[in-house]
Amino acid sequence: MLRKRTRLLALLPLVTSDKANKIRDQLAVIDRLIGRPKEFEPSPSLVASAAGVDGVGGLQFQVQSPPGAGRLVKIPFYLTSGDFTQLSFAAPEVGPMVYTAAGPNTVSTTNPVVSFTMPNDTSGRQAASGFIFTTPQISWSKLRVVGIETTQSYAAYGGNDPARVLDLPSLIDVAAGFGFLGAGYDGVTGEYTDPRNYNRGTIYTLIKNLAVGGGANLLSQEGYIDASYYDVKNAGFAGLRAYPELISPNQATVEVAFVGPPLANVVFSISLVCDIQEDTDYGTYNVGPYDRPAAMLRSDVGTANSDTRS
């Protein structure tokens, strides 16, 4: 049977197409009887090609699995400098423009959360810029920058006029046929006409010049960029131009600006997302897929791995 199979194979390139089809049918019968020889089974490279995991020229690729939830860490940025006098509040508003854990219009190196209220400056200017945020020195680990994340929430009122008290609608303020009576409710139009109790608009937070150790800008454009691109609620991390190492004493810095109508308020924080490469207490980790955004999509809260998924 094997000799016959060999002779038939040798005849294939020498015969017409009709004869070749008959020879192939005979070879199929022989293969069913004796089994396909090892040399005619699909090679691993063909299997890899069919699976889509090989490259040009038959190169095969192997990748490390994404890091677990404990390997990606968020390093907070703290407000370390800024001009708190570039805008002023006009009476009866008193401010402050910036509030941190250290107090009004004061930098803080212990808490990354910043509350910003746009002053009702008499100049009419509605932008404040030049606030520098800096990460602490991380002496316990060698890190690889993965991306940045921002959080932004909006308060009801930020002017801080002592005579103004919040009076938001409540079910207690319901009168028959007139709806809510609190917070300046107009029973004719059905609108709340007293704007003093509400945020006057939205503060847009902008960032620029993300750098590590005084290096080049890591953001995708020069100048200010909307911080919402990097919001923690987004499905995945927005990419950076490069993913440098962060090794003490180097620190990362970013410049922040706020734009919006007078008395609007935002509570803001920003974090540097890093992949732990080496830890002084817990050793060395496999490098994570910081250059493969699809491997770092956030999964639903409550799953076994709520920070990353592969």
C-alpha atoms as a PDB file:
ATOM      1  CA  MET A   1       0.000   0.000   0.000  1.00  0.00           C
ATOM      2  CA  LEU A   2       2.801   2.424   0.873  1.00  0.00           C
ATOM      3  CA  ARG A   3       4.668   1.616  -2.360  1.00  0.00           C
ATOM      4  CA  LYS A   4       1.506   2.143  -4.369  1.00  0.00           C
ATOM      5  CA  ARG A   5       0.891   5.430  -2.600  1.00  0.00           C
ATOM      6  CA  THR A   6       4.444   6.542  -3.413  1.00  0.00           C
ATOM      7  CA  ARG A   7       4.069   5.649  -7.096  1.00  0.00           C
ATOM      8  CA  LEU A   8       0.759   7.513  -7.329  1.00  0.00           C
ATOM      9  CA  LEU A   9       2.254  10.617  -5.729  1.00  0.00           C
ATOM     10  CA  ALA A  10       5.124  10.512  -8.251  1.00  0.00           C
ATOM     11  CA  LEU A  11       2.652  10.377 -11.148  1.00  0.00           C
ATOM     12  CA  LEU A  12       0.608  13.412 -10.023  1.00  0.00           C
ATOM     13  CA  PRO A  13       2.723  16.135 -11.716  1.00  0.00           C
ATOM     14  CA  LEU A  14       3.015  14.090 -14.937  1.00  0.00           C
ATOM     15  CA  VAL A  15      -0.611  13.370 -15.796  1.00  0.00           C
ATOM     16  CA  THR A  16      -3.590  15.354 -17.021  1.00  0.00           C
ATOM     17  CA  SER A  17      -5.995  17.019 -14.621  1.00  0.00           C
ATOM     18  CA  ASP A  18      -8.637  14.316 -15.087  1.00  0.00           C
ATOM     19  CA  LYS A  19      -6.108  11.586 -14.351  1.00  0.00           C
ATOM     20  CA  ALA A  20      -4.776  13.583 -11.401  1.00  0.00           C
ATOM     21  CA  ASN A  21      -8.260  13.738  -9.883  1.00  0.00           C
ATOM     22  CA  LYS A  22      -8.574   9.959 -10.129  1.00  0.00           C
ATOM     23  CA  ILE A  23      -5.150   9.520  -8.506  1.00  0.00           C
ATOM     24  CA  ARG A  24      -6.187  11.804  -5.653  1.00  0.00           C
ATOM     25  CA  ASP A  25      -9.316   9.705  -5.108  1.00  0.00           C
ATOM     26  CA  GLN A  26      -7.159   6.580  -4.885  1.00  0.00           C
ATOM     27  CA  LEU A  27      -4.795   8.308  -2.469  1.00  0.00           C
ATOM     28  CA  ALA A  28      -7.766   9.254  -0.282  1.00  0.00           C
ATOM     29  CA  VAL A  29      -8.879   5.612  -0.165  1.00  0.00           C
ATOM     30  CA  ILE A  30      -5.375   4.491   0.784  1.00  0.00           C
ATOM     31  CA  ASP A  31      -5.127   7.170   3.486  1.00  0.00           C
ATOM     32  CA  ARG A  32      -8.373   5.981   5.020  1.00  0.00           C
ATOM     33  CA  LEU A  33      -7.081   2.425   5.096  1.00  0.00           C
ATOM     34  CA  ILE A  34      -3.577   2.965   6.426  1.00  0.00           C
ATOM     35  CA  GLY A  35      -3.829   6.467   7.976  1.00  0.00           C
ATOM     36  CA  ARG A  36      -2.035   9.564   6.870  1.00  0.00           C
ATOM     37  CA  PRO A  37       1.761   9.385   7.229  1.00  0.00           C
ATOM     38  CA  LYS A  38       3.365  11.776   9.703  1.00  0.00           C
ATOM     39  CA  GLU A  39       5.104  13.759   6.986  1.00  0.00           C
ATOM     40  CA  PHE A  40       1.739  14.644   5.445  1.00  0.00           C
ATOM     41  CA  GLU A  41       0.068  15.882   8.625  1.00  0.00           C
ATOM     42  CA  PRO A  42      -0.335  19.689   8.927  1.00  0.00           C
ATOM     43  CA  SER A  43       2.832  21.226  10.287  1.00  0.00           C
ATOM     44  CA  PRO A  44       2.669  23.358  13.472  1.00  0.00           C
ATOM     45  CA  SER A  45       3.420  26.441  11.361  1.00  0.00           C
ATOM     46  CA  LEU A  46       0.305  25.819   9.249  1.00  0.00           C
ATOM     47  CA  VAL A  47      -1.774  25.346  12.385  1.00  0.00           C
ATOM     48  CA  ALA A  48      -0.401  28.596  13.778  1.00  0.00           C
ATOM     49  CA  SER A  49      -1.166  30.319  10.500  1.00  0.00           C
ATOM     50  CA  ALA A  50      -4.746  29.125  10.571  1.00  0.00           C
ATOM     51  CA  ALA A  51      -5.072  30.315  14.161  1.00  0.00           C
ATOM     52  CA  GLY A  52      -3.759  33.752  13.219  1.00  0.00           C
ATOM     53  CA  VAL A  53      -0.881  33.760  15.717  1.00  0.00           C
ATOM     54  CA  ASP A  54       2.037  33.668  13.294  1.00  0.00           C
ATOM     55  CA  GLY A  55       3.569  36.557  11.422  1.00  0.00           C
ATOM     56  CA  VAL A  56       5.136  37.301   8.074  1.00  0.00           C
ATOM     57  CA  GLY A  57       7.565  34.587   7.054  1.00  0.00           C
ATOM     58  CA  GLY A  58       6.126  32.071   9.494  1.00  0.00           C
ATOM     59  CA  LEU A  59       7.357  33.901  12.604  1.00  0.00           C
ATOM     60  CA  GLN A  60       5.505  32.894  15.732  1.00  0.00           C
ATOM     61  CA  PHE A  61       4.721  35.313  18.569  1.00  0.00           C
ATOM     62  CA  GLN A  62       4.393  34.660  22.277  1.00  0.00           C
ATOM     63  CA  VAL A  63       3.065  37.292  24.674  1.00  0.00           C
ATOM     64  CA  GLN A  64       2.943  37.540  28.430  1.00  0.00           C
ATOM     65  CA  SER A  65      -0.478  37.547  30.037  1.00  0.00           C
ATOM     66  CA  PRO A  66      -1.691  40.923  31.363  1.00  0.00           C
ATOM     67  CA  PRO A  67      -0.714  41.833  34.913  1.00  0.00           C
ATOM     68  CA  GLY A  68      -3.125  41.047  37.678  1.00  0.00           C
ATOM     69  CA  ALA A  69      -5.076  43.715  39.493  1.00  0.00           C
ATOM     70  CA  GLY A  70      -2.365  44.026  42.116  1.00  0.00           C
ATOM     71  CA  ARG A  71       0.382  44.888  39.623  1.00  0.00           C
ATOM     72  CA  LEU A  72      -1.194  48.027  38.216  1.00  0.00           C
ATOM     73  CA  VAL A  73      -1.021  50.860  40.729  1.00  0.00           C
ATOM     74  CA  LYS A  74      -2.240  54.458  40.736  1.00  0.00           C
ATOM     75  CA  ILE A  75       0.254  57.057  41.868  1.00  0.00           C
ATOM     76  CA  PRO A  76      -1.534  60.298  42.884  1.00  0.00           C
ATOM     77  CA  PHE A  77      -0.586  63.728  41.600  1.00  0.00           C
ATOM     78  CA  TYR A  78      -0.539  66.421  44.306  1.00  0.00           C
ATOM     79  CA  LEU A  79      -1.012  70.131  43.695  1.00  0.00           C
ATOM     80  CA  THR A  80       2.479  71.500  44.309  1.00  0.00           C
ATOM     81  CA  SER A  81       2.351  75.018  42.833  1.00  0.00           C
ATOM     82  CA  GLY A  82      -0.028  77.537  41.314  1.00  0.00           C
ATOM     83  CA  ASP A  83      -0.943  81.212  41.176  1.00  0.00           C
ATOM     84  CA  PHE A  84      -3.927  81.537  43.504  1.00  0.00           C
ATOM     85  CA  THR A  85      -4.209  85.286  42.924  1.00  0.00           C
ATOM     86  CA  GLN A  86      -4.580  85.304  39.119  1.00  0.00           C
ATOM     87  CA  LEU A  87      -8.360  85.782  39.546  1.00  0.00           C
ATOM     88  CA  SER A  88     -10.381  87.361  42.361  1.00  0.00           C
ATOM     89  CA  PHE A  89     -13.918  87.066  43.690  1.00  0.00           C
ATOM     90  CA  ALA A  90     -16.215  90.077  43.520  1.00  0.00           C
ATOM     91  CA  ALA A  91     -18.559  90.771  46.440  1.00  0.00           C
ATOM     92  CA  PRO A  92     -20.569  89.174  47.860  1.00  0.00           C
ATOM     93  CA  GLU A  93     -18.642  86.048  46.829  1.00  0.00           C
ATOM     94  CA  VAL A  94     -15.575  85.275  48.913  1.00  0.00           C
ATOM     95  CA  GLY A  95     -14.078  82.094  47.455  1.00  0.00           C
ATOM     96  CA  PRO A  96     -11.640  80.464  47.787  1.00  0.00           C
ATOM     97  CA  MET A  97     -10.672  79.622  44.218  1.00  0.00           C
ATOM     98  CA  VAL A  98      -8.822  76.450  45.248  1.00  0.00           C
ATOM     99  CA  TYR A  99      -9.374  74.286  48.280  1.00  0.00           C
ATOM    100  CA  THR A 100      -7.147  71.342  49.225  1.00  0.00           C
ATOM    101  CA  ALA A 101      -6.685  69.190  52.303  1.00  0.00           C
ATOM    102  CA  ALA A 102      -4.155  71.757  53.502  1.00  0.00           C
ATOM    103  CA  GLY A 103      -6.688  74.601  53.360  1.00  0.00           C
ATOM    104  CA  PRO A 104      -7.877  77.404  51.053  1.00  0.00           C
ATOM    105  CA  ASN A 105      -5.539  78.398  48.199  1.00  0.00           C
ATOM    106  CA  THR A 106      -2.813  76.146  49.582  1.00  0.00           C
ATOM    107  CA  VAL A 107      -0.748  73.391  47.991  1.00  0.00           C
ATOM    108  CA  SER A 108      -0.988  69.901  49.455  1.00  0.00           C
ATOM    109  CA  THR A 109       1.378  66.923  49.390  1.00  0.00           C
ATOM    110  CA  THR A 110      -0.868  64.626  51.416  1.00  0.00           C
ATOM    111  CA  ASN A 111      -4.179  64.551  49.532  1.00  0.00           C
ATOM    112  CA  PRO A 112      -4.613  64.633  45.723  1.00  0.00           C
ATOM    113  CA  VAL A 113      -8.214  65.926  45.695  1.00  0.00           C
ATOM    114  CA  VAL A 114      -8.642  69.569  44.680  1.00  0.00           C
ATOM    115  CA  SER A 115     -11.813  71.657  44.711  1.00  0.00           C
ATOM    116  CA  PHE A 116     -11.780  74.529  42.210  1.00  0.00           C
ATOM    117  CA  THR A 117     -14.341  77.346  41.924  1.00  0.00           C
ATOM    118  CA  MET A 118     -14.168  79.805  39.035  1.00  0.00           C
ATOM    119  CA  PRO A 119     -14.080  83.336  40.522  1.00  0.00           C
ATOM    120  CA  ASN A 120     -16.534  85.965  39.282  1.00  0.00           C
ATOM    121  CA  ASP A 121     -13.591  88.220  38.471  1.00  0.00           C
ATOM    122  CA  THR A 122     -14.498  91.731  37.342  1.00  0.00           C
ATOM    123  CA  SER A 123     -12.224  91.334  34.309  1.00  0.00           C
ATOM    124  CA  GLY A 124     -14.637  88.766  32.913  1.00  0.00           C
ATOM    125  CA  ARG A 125     -11.859  86.229  32.490  1.00  0.00           C
ATOM    126  CA  GLN A 126     -13.119  82.662  32.878  1.00  0.00           C
ATOM    127  CA  ALA A 127      -9.914  80.621  32.858  1.00  0.00           C
ATOM    128  CA  ALA A 128      -7.238  79.846  35.420  1.00  0.00           C
ATOM    129  CA  SER A 129      -4.043  78.069  34.384  1.00  0.00           C
ATOM    130  CA  GLY A 130      -0.556  77.095  35.442  1.00  0.00           C
ATOM    131  CA  PHE A 131      -1.379  74.695  38.280  1.00  0.00           C
ATOM    132  CA  ILE A 132       1.417  72.130  38.586  1.00  0.00           C
ATOM    133  CA  PHE A 133       0.646  68.652  39.911  1.00  0.00           C
ATOM    134  CA  THR A 134       3.492  66.321  40.902  1.00  0.00           C
ATOM    135  CA  THR A 135       3.738  62.665  41.936  1.00  0.00           C
ATOM    136  CA  PRO A 136       5.679  61.736  45.090  1.00  0.00           C
ATOM    137  CA  GLN A 137       9.035  60.005  44.904  1.00  0.00           C
ATOM    138  CA  ILE A 138       8.460  56.245  44.817  1.00  0.00           C
ATOM    139  CA  SER A 139      11.485  54.699  46.493  1.00  0.00           C
ATOM    140  CA  TRP A 140       9.995  51.231  47.002  1.00  0.00           C
ATOM    141  CA  SER A 141       9.544  50.237  43.377  1.00  0.00           C
ATOM    142  CA  LYS A 142      10.654  50.592  39.780  1.00  0.00           C
ATOM    143  CA  LEU A 143       7.587  51.454  37.715  1.00  0.00           C
ATOM    144  CA  ARG A 144       6.623  51.633  34.061  1.00  0.00           C
ATOM    145  CA  VAL A 145       4.171  54.401  33.118  1.00  0.00           C
ATOM    146  CA  VAL A 146       0.976  52.961  31.608  1.00  0.00           C
ATOM    147  CA  GLY A 147      -1.331  55.992  31.416  1.00  0.00           C
ATOM    148  CA  ILE A 148      -3.142  58.621  33.453  1.00  0.00           C
ATOM    149  CA  GLU A 149      -6.620  58.792  34.937  1.00  0.00           C
ATOM    150  CA  THR A 150      -8.683  61.772  36.022  1.00  0.00           C
ATOM    151  CA  THR A 151     -11.773  62.101  38.190  1.00  0.00           C
ATOM    152  CA  GLN A 152     -14.162  65.042  37.956  1.00  0.00           C
ATOM    153  CA  SER A 153     -17.368  65.749  39.871  1.00  0.00           C
ATOM    154  CA  TYR A 154     -19.426  68.910  40.037  1.00  0.00           C
ATOM    155  CA  ALA A 155     -20.835  70.640  43.113  1.00  0.00           C
ATOM    156  CA  ALA A 156     -24.159  72.470  43.307  1.00  0.00           C
ATOM    157  CA  TYR A 157     -22.663  75.832  44.229  1.00  0.00           C
ATOM    158  CA  GLY A 158     -19.115  77.065  44.658  1.00  0.00           C
ATOM    159  CA  GLY A 159     -19.264  80.802  45.257  1.00  0.00           C
ATOM    160  CA  ASN A 160     -19.299  80.527  49.047  1.00  0.00           C
ATOM    161  CA  ASP A 161     -21.362  83.645  49.704  1.00  0.00           C
ATOM    162  CA  PRO A 162     -22.068  83.313  53.466  1.00  0.00           C
ATOM    163  CA  ALA A 163     -25.615  84.673  52.999  1.00  0.00           C
ATOM    164  CA  ARG A 164     -26.584  82.047  50.454  1.00  0.00           C
ATOM    165  CA  VAL A 165     -27.888  78.711  51.645  1.00  0.00           C
ATOM    166  CA  LEU A 166     -28.581  75.720  49.422  1.00  0.00           C
ATOM    167  CA  ASP A 167     -32.287  75.022  49.076  1.00  0.00           C
ATOM    168  CA  LEU A 168     -32.572  72.181  46.590  1.00  0.00           C
ATOM    169  CA  PRO A 169     -36.038  70.748  45.770  1.00  0.00           C
ATOM    170  CA  SER A 170     -37.446  68.311  48.284  1.00  0.00           C
ATOM    171  CA  LEU A 171     -40.545  66.169  48.474  1.00  0.00           C
ATOM    172  CA  ILE A 172     -41.480  68.203  51.554  1.00  0.00           C
ATOM    173  CA  ASP A 173     -41.977  71.237  49.288  1.00  0.00           C
ATOM    174  CA  VAL A 174     -44.853  69.751  47.292  1.00  0.00           C
ATOM    175  CA  ALA A 175     -48.144  71.663  47.061  1.00  0.00           C
ATOM    176  CA  ALA A 176     -51.235  70.438  45.232  1.00  0.00           C
ATOM    177  CA  GLY A 177     -51.178  71.614  41.628  1.00  0.00           C
ATOM    178  CA  PHE A 178     -47.973  73.586  42.028  1.00  0.00           C
ATOM    179  CA  GLY A 179     -45.234  70.939  42.168  1.00  0.00           C
ATOM    180  CA  PHE A 180     -42.115  71.732  44.149  1.00  0.00           C
ATOM    181  CA  LEU A 181     -42.160  75.078  45.938  1.00  0.00           C
ATOM    182  CA  GLY A 182     -38.526  75.108  47.053  1.00  0.00           C
ATOM    183  CA  ALA A 183     -35.452  76.455  45.284  1.00  0.00           C
ATOM    184  CA  GLY A 184     -37.155  79.260  43.380  1.00  0.00           C
ATOM    185  CA  TYR A 185     -39.841  77.157  41.718  1.00  0.00           C
ATOM    186  CA  ASP A 186     -42.080  79.088  39.285  1.00  0.00           C
ATOM    187  CA  GLY A 187     -45.548  77.538  39.309  1.00  0.00           C
ATOM    188  CA  VAL A 188     -46.457  79.206  35.995  1.00  0.00           C
ATOM    189  CA  THR A 189     -43.499  78.108  33.883  1.00  0.00           C
ATOM    190  CA  GLY A 190     -42.637  74.986  35.873  1.00  0.00           C
ATOM    191  CA  GLU A 191     -39.005  76.069  36.104  1.00  0.00           C
ATOM    192  CA  TYR A 192     -36.630  76.823  38.942  1.00  0.00           C
ATOM    193  CA  THR A 193     -35.788  80.462  38.385  1.00  0.00           C
ATOM    194  CA  ASP A 194     -33.381  81.109  41.244  1.00  0.00           C
ATOM    195  CA  PRO A 195     -29.924  80.247  39.840  1.00  0.00           C
ATOM    196  CA  ARG A 196     -28.051  81.084  43.006  1.00  0.00           C
ATOM    197  CA  ASN A 197     -28.547  77.599  44.409  1.00  0.00           C
ATOM    198  CA  TYR A 198     -27.184  75.782  41.390  1.00  0.00           C
ATOM    199  CA  ASN A 199     -23.891  75.313  39.674  1.00  0.00           C
ATOM    200  CA  ARG A 200     -23.647  78.110  37.104  1.00  0.00           C
ATOM    201  CA  GLY A 201     -22.264  75.713  34.469  1.00  0.00           C
ATOM    202  CA  THR A 202     -19.542  73.172  33.857  1.00  0.00           C
ATOM    203  CA  ILE A 203     -15.872  73.565  34.584  1.00  0.00           C
ATOM    204  CA  TYR A 204     -13.706  72.079  31.842  1.00  0.00           C
ATOM    205  CA  THR A 205     -10.446  70.671  33.165  1.00  0.00           C
ATOM    206  CA  LEU A 206      -7.484  70.775  30.784  1.00  0.00           C
ATOM    207  CA  ILE A 207      -4.030  69.206  31.093  1.00  0.00           C
ATOM    208  CA  LYS A 208      -0.734  69.550  29.258  1.00  0.00           C
ATOM    209  CA  ASN A 209       2.972  68.686  29.473  1.00  0.00           C
ATOM    210  CA  LEU A 210       2.837  65.300  31.182  1.00  0.00           C
ATOM    211  CA  ALA A 211       6.494  64.488  31.761  1.00  0.00           C
ATOM    212  CA  VAL A 212       8.666  62.117  33.781  1.00  0.00           C
ATOM    213  CA  GLY A 213      11.893  63.431  35.280  1.00  0.00           C
ATOM    214  CA  GLY A 214      11.825  66.571  33.154  1.00  0.00           C
ATOM    215  CA  GLY A 215      11.569  64.585  29.895  1.00  0.00           C
ATOM    216  CA  ALA A 216       9.515  65.266  26.773  1.00  0.00           C
ATOM    217  CA  ASN A 217       5.740  65.631  26.797  1.00  0.00           C
ATOM    218  CA  LEU A 218       4.006  62.229  26.869  1.00  0.00           C
ATOM    219  CA  LEU A 219       0.575  63.477  25.770  1.00  0.00           C
ATOM    220  CA  SER A 220      -0.539  63.106  22.167  1.00  0.00           C
ATOM    221  CA  GLN A 221      -0.540  66.840  21.458  1.00  0.00           C
ATOM    222  CA  GLU A 222       1.184  70.004  22.551  1.00  0.00           C
ATOM    223  CA  GLY A 223      -0.790  72.538  24.541  1.00  0.00           C
ATOM    224  CA  TYR A 224      -3.832  71.857  26.664  1.00  0.00           C
ATOM    225  CA  ILE A 225      -5.988  68.773  26.079  1.00  0.00           C
ATOM    226  CA  ASP A 226      -9.384  67.917  27.563  1.00  0.00           C
ATOM    227  CA  ALA A 227      -8.863  65.880  30.741  1.00  0.00           C
ATOM    228  CA  SER A 228     -12.087  63.955  30.077  1.00  0.00           C
ATOM    229  CA  TYR A 229     -10.173  61.877  27.501  1.00  0.00           C
ATOM    230  CA  TYR A 230      -8.468  60.293  30.504  1.00  0.00           C
ATOM    231  CA  ASP A 231     -11.503  60.074  32.789  1.00  0.00           C
ATOM    232  CA  VAL A 232     -11.726  57.023  35.040  1.00  0.00           C
ATOM    233  CA  LYS A 233     -15.202  56.280  33.626  1.00  0.00           C
ATOM    234  CA  ASN A 234     -13.824  55.643  30.135  1.00  0.00           C
ATOM    235  CA  ALA A 235     -13.678  52.029  28.961  1.00  0.00           C
ATOM    236  CA  GLY A 236      -9.916  51.923  28.433  1.00  0.00           C
ATOM    237  CA  PHE A 237      -6.727  53.890  28.897  1.00  0.00           C
ATOM    238  CA  ALA A 238      -5.962  56.623  26.380  1.00  0.00           C
ATOM    239  CA  GLY A 239      -2.570  56.063  24.815  1.00  0.00           C
ATOM    240  CA  LEU A 240       0.599  58.047  25.437  1.00  0.00           C
ATOM    241  CA  ARG A 241       3.469  58.883  23.101  1.00  0.00           C
ATOM    242  CA  ALA A 242       5.823  56.685  25.131  1.00  0.00           C
ATOM    243  CA  TYR A 243       5.811  54.548  28.275  1.00  0.00           C
ATOM    244  CA  PRO A 244       8.960  55.457  30.217  1.00  0.00           C
ATOM    245  CA  GLU A 245      10.159  54.038  33.498  1.00  0.00           C
ATOM    246  CA  LEU A 246       9.519  55.946  36.688  1.00  0.00           C
ATOM    247  CA  ILE A 247      12.442  55.397  39.038  1.00  0.00           C
ATOM    248  CA  SER A 248      13.141  57.450  42.183  1.00  0.00           C
ATOM    249  CA  PRO A 249      14.215  60.225  42.535  1.00  0.00           C
ATOM    250  CA  ASN A 250      12.398  61.050  39.278  1.00  0.00           C
ATOM    251  CA  GLN A 251       8.844  62.335  39.558  1.00  0.00           C
ATOM    252  CA  ALA A 252       6.065  62.891  37.040  1.00  0.00           C
ATOM    253  CA  THR A 253       4.526  66.331  36.555  1.00  0.00           C
ATOM    254  CA  VAL A 254       1.516  67.671  34.659  1.00  0.00           C
ATOM    255  CA  GLU A 255       0.091  71.172  34.234  1.00  0.00           C
ATOM    256  CA  VAL A 256      -3.639  71.761  34.771  1.00  0.00           C
ATOM    257  CA  ALA A 257      -5.993  74.587  33.783  1.00  0.00           C
ATOM    258  CA  PHE A 258      -9.672  75.213  34.496  1.00  0.00           C
ATOM    259  CA  VAL A 259     -12.137  76.937  32.146  1.00  0.00           C
ATOM    260  CA  GLY A 260     -15.780  77.719  32.884  1.00  0.00           C
ATOM    261  CA  PRO A 261     -18.382  80.263  33.918  1.00  0.00           C
ATOM    262  CA  PRO A 262     -18.163  82.220  37.198  1.00  0.00           C
ATOM    263  CA  LEU A 263     -19.001  80.325  40.398  1.00  0.00           C
ATOM    264  CA  ALA A 264     -18.997  76.911  38.687  1.00  0.00           C
ATOM    265  CA  ASN A 265     -17.171  74.295  40.713  1.00  0.00           C
ATOM    266  CA  VAL A 266     -15.354  71.019  40.076  1.00  0.00           C
ATOM    267  CA  VAL A 267     -13.738  68.521  42.426  1.00  0.00           C
ATOM    268  CA  PHE A 268     -10.759  67.105  40.562  1.00  0.00           C
ATOM    269  CA  SER A 269      -7.950  64.577  40.964  1.00  0.00           C
ATOM    270  CA  ILE A 270      -5.429  62.984  38.637  1.00  0.00           C
ATOM    271  CA  SER A 271      -3.401  59.778  38.968  1.00  0.00           C
ATOM    272  CA  LEU A 272      -0.509  58.196  37.104  1.00  0.00           C
ATOM    273  CA  VAL A 273      -1.235  54.539  36.290  1.00  0.00           C
ATOM    274  CA  CYS A 274       1.905  52.416  36.479  1.00  0.00           C
ATOM    275  CA  ASP A 275       2.947  48.815  35.997  1.00  0.00           C
ATOM    276  CA  ILE A 276       5.142  47.507  38.819  1.00  0.00           C
ATOM    277  CA  GLN A 277       8.335  46.074  37.369  1.00  0.00           C
ATOM    278  CA  GLU A 278      10.314  45.569  40.541  1.00  0.00           C
ATOM    279  CA  ASP A 279       9.355  45.951  44.178  1.00  0.00           C
ATOM    280  CA  THR A 280      11.845  46.150  47.040  1.00  0.00           C
ATOM    281  CA  ASP A 281       9.616  43.956  49.217  1.00  0.00           C
ATOM    282  CA  TYR A 282       7.732  41.758  46.727  1.00  0.00           C
ATOM    283  CA  GLY A 283      10.335  41.144  44.030  1.00  0.00           C
ATOM    284  CA  THR A 284      10.154  41.269  40.233  1.00  0.00           C
ATOM    285  CA  TYR A 285       7.017  41.026  38.091  1.00  0.00           C
ATOM    286  CA  ASN A 286       6.490  40.185  34.448  1.00  0.00           C
ATOM    287  CA  VAL A 287       6.205  43.316  32.357  1.00  0.00           C
ATOM    288  CA  GLY A 288       2.571  44.130  31.579  1.00  0.00           C
ATOM    289  CA  PRO A 289       0.960  44.991  28.238  1.00  0.00           C
ATOM    290  CA  TYR A 290       1.146  48.753  28.590  1.00  0.00           C
ATOM    291  CA  ASP A 291       1.503  49.002  24.798  1.00  0.00           C
ATOM    292  CA  ARG A 292      -1.618  46.861  24.147  1.00  0.00           C
ATOM    293  CA  PRO A 293      -4.681  48.948  25.164  1.00  0.00           C
ATOM    294  CA  ALA A 294      -7.092  46.125  24.313  1.00  0.00           C
ATOM    295  CA  ALA A 295      -5.549  44.088  27.108  1.00  0.00           C
ATOM    296  CA  MET A 296      -6.237  46.790  29.677  1.00  0.00           C
ATOM    297  CA  LEU A 297      -9.962  47.424  29.294  1.00  0.00           C
ATOM    298  CA  ARG A 298     -11.747  47.870  32.569  1.00  0.00           C
ATOM    299  CA  SER A 299     -14.245  45.188  33.469  1.00  0.00           C
ATOM    300  CA  ASP A 300     -17.515  45.634  35.307  1.00  0.00           C
ATOM    301  CA  VAL A 301     -17.306  46.384  39.009  1.00  0.00           C
ATOM    302  CA  GLY A 302     -17.970  43.300  41.072  1.00  0.00           C
ATOM    303  CA  THR A 303     -16.151  40.835  38.830  1.00  0.00           C
ATOM    304  CA  ALA A 304     -13.230  38.778  40.072  1.00  0.00           C
ATOM    305  CA  ASN A 305     -10.846  41.253  38.467  1.00  0.00           C
ATOM    306  CA  SER A 306     -12.392  44.705  38.595  1.00  0.00           C
ATOM    307  CA  ASP A 307      -9.318  46.672  37.436  1.00  0.00           C
ATOM    308  CA  THR A 308      -8.174  44.945  34.245  1.00  0.00           C
ATOM    309  CA  ARG A 309      -9.184  42.183  31.951  1.00  0.00           C
ATOM    310  CA  SER A 310      -7.373  40.377  29.156  1.00  0.00           C
END
